[in-house]
Every structure is written in C-alpha cells, then in structure tokens.
Amino acid sequence: MRNEQDVISEKFNELRSLISNYARQEIRDPLTALVKWLSLGLLGMLFLLVGILFAALGLLRLLQNELTLFDSTLSFLPYILVFATLLILIAVSIKALRRHA
C-alpha cells in the first residue's frame, strides 16, 4: 500500500507537469510564432526600404542626366520632385494602413 508521502509526491509531479505543459502551450509557442512573424516582417520592411531608396535614386539620376530642362538654374528641381514623390508614397502608405486597420 502506498503511503501518503508517495501520493503527495505524485500529485506534486503531476501539477508541475501540468503547469509546465500549460506554460509551453500558452506562452512559449505563441511567442516563438510572434518572433518568427516579426522577423519576417522586419526583413520584408528592410528589403522594401532598400528598393524604394534605389528607385528614388534612379528617379533622381534620370531627372538629372536625361532631361536638359534641369541643367541651368533649375538644377534643384529634381531633388524637390523626388522628395515630393517620396512624400506622396508615404501618404498613400499611411492612408492604406489606416483603411486596412
């Protein structure tokens, strides 16, 4: 016959196992999924920002080299146009995020 100490020890081990499994299910697994989701999102954001930067630099180079309109006193205008394009892109992105959220 088992004594009372063995029953208490068994119940304690069962409780510890139950708490451990619950913590793993409700805390660790969602956190690992969140970290994976955030890391992929941040990586995508980084690639998107680098692509936008290269597109803006390409647009600036196109405006400066290919158009003779900006050669003389209007040489500052390509910078303003590229900056305005980026501001419009930011505004459209914010509007889309607010509409989606």
Protein backbone atom coordinates (compact mmCIF):
# COMPACT_ATOMS: atom_id res chain seq x y z
CA MET A 1 0.00 0.00 0.00
CA ARG A 2 1.29 3.41 -0.90
CA ASN A 3 1.84 5.82 1.84
CA GLU A 4 0.65 9.40 1.97
CA GLN A 5 4.08 10.82 1.06
CA ASP A 6 4.11 8.95 -2.28
CA VAL A 7 0.62 10.20 -3.14
CA ILE A 8 1.59 13.80 -2.36
CA SER A 9 4.79 13.46 -4.39
CA GLU A 10 2.88 12.01 -7.32
CA LYS A 11 0.26 14.78 -7.19
CA PHE A 12 3.01 17.41 -6.96
CA ASN A 13 4.80 15.98 -10.02
CA GLU A 14 1.51 15.88 -11.91
CA LEU A 15 0.81 19.52 -11.00
CA ARG A 16 4.31 20.56 -12.06
CA SER A 17 3.91 18.75 -15.38
CA LEU A 18 0.50 20.34 -15.93
CA ILE A 19 1.84 23.85 -15.26
CA SER A 20 4.86 23.24 -17.46
CA ASN A 21 2.76 22.00 -20.37
CA TYR A 22 0.31 24.88 -19.96
CA ALA A 23 3.13 27.44 -19.96
CA ARG A 24 4.63 25.86 -23.05
CA GLN A 25 1.27 25.84 -24.85
CA GLU A 26 0.08 29.31 -23.87
CA ILE A 27 3.31 31.30 -23.58
CA ARG A 28 6.28 29.80 -25.39
CA ASP A 29 4.61 28.61 -28.59
CA PRO A 30 2.77 31.90 -29.32
CA LEU A 31 5.92 33.88 -28.53
CA THR A 32 8.01 31.85 -30.95
CA ALA A 33 5.36 32.33 -33.63
CA LEU A 34 5.31 36.07 -32.89
CA VAL A 35 9.11 36.32 -33.13
CA LYS A 36 9.07 34.47 -36.46
CA TRP A 37 6.28 36.72 -37.80
CA LEU A 38 8.05 39.90 -36.64
CA SER A 39 11.43 38.85 -38.01
CA LEU A 40 9.95 38.11 -41.44
CA GLY A 41 8.06 41.42 -41.34
CA LEU A 42 11.17 43.39 -40.42
CA LEU A 43 13.18 41.65 -43.13
CA GLY A 44 10.48 42.46 -45.68
CA MET A 45 10.41 46.08 -44.50
CA LEU A 46 14.19 46.31 -44.89
CA PHE A 47 14.07 44.96 -48.45
CA LEU A 48 11.20 47.29 -49.30
CA LEU A 49 13.04 50.33 -47.94
CA VAL A 50 16.21 49.47 -49.86
CA GLY A 51 14.15 49.04 -53.03
CA ILE A 52 12.41 52.39 -52.52
CA LEU A 53 15.78 54.05 -51.87
CA PHE A 54 17.23 52.67 -55.11
CA ALA A 55 14.09 53.67 -57.03
CA ALA A 56 14.31 57.22 -55.66
CA LEU A 57 17.99 57.46 -56.56
CA GLY A 58 17.23 56.10 -60.02
CA LEU A 59 14.49 58.68 -60.50
CA LEU A 60 16.84 61.44 -59.36
CA ARG A 61 19.55 60.29 -61.76
CA LEU A 62 17.01 60.05 -64.59
CA LEU A 63 15.80 63.58 -63.96
CA GLN A 64 19.34 64.98 -63.68
CA ASN A 65 21.00 63.21 -66.61
CA GLU A 66 18.33 62.61 -69.22
CA LEU A 67 16.34 65.84 -69.11
CA THR A 68 18.05 69.03 -70.23
CA LEU A 69 15.33 71.12 -68.61
CA PHE A 70 17.09 70.90 -65.25
CA ASP A 71 20.60 71.84 -66.41
CA SER A 72 20.74 75.54 -65.61
CA THR A 73 19.10 77.43 -62.80
CA LEU A 74 16.53 74.69 -62.19
CA SER A 75 19.10 72.12 -61.07
CA PHE A 76 17.50 71.95 -57.61
CA LEU A 77 14.13 70.88 -59.00
CA PRO A 78 14.88 67.12 -59.40
CA TYR A 79 15.60 66.91 -55.66
CA ILE A 80 12.27 68.56 -54.86
CA LEU A 81 10.42 66.29 -57.30
CA VAL A 82 11.95 63.13 -55.84
CA PHE A 83 11.25 64.35 -52.30
CA ALA A 84 7.63 65.12 -53.23
CA THR A 85 7.29 61.68 -54.81
CA LEU A 86 8.54 60.06 -51.61
CA LEU A 87 6.13 62.16 -49.53
CA ILE A 88 3.23 61.10 -51.75
CA LEU A 89 4.30 57.46 -51.40
CA ILE A 90 4.40 57.83 -47.61
CA ALA A 91 0.96 59.48 -47.56
CA VAL A 92 -0.56 56.73 -49.71
CA SER A 93 1.01 54.06 -47.50
CA ILE A 94 -0.32 55.65 -44.31
CA LYS A 95 -3.78 56.00 -45.84
CA ALA A 96 -3.77 52.34 -46.88
CA LEU A 97 -2.63 51.25 -43.41
CA ARG A 98 -5.35 53.26 -41.69
CA ARG A 99 -8.00 51.92 -44.06
CA HIS A 100 -6.80 48.35 -43.55
CA ALA A 101 -6.53 48.58 -39.75
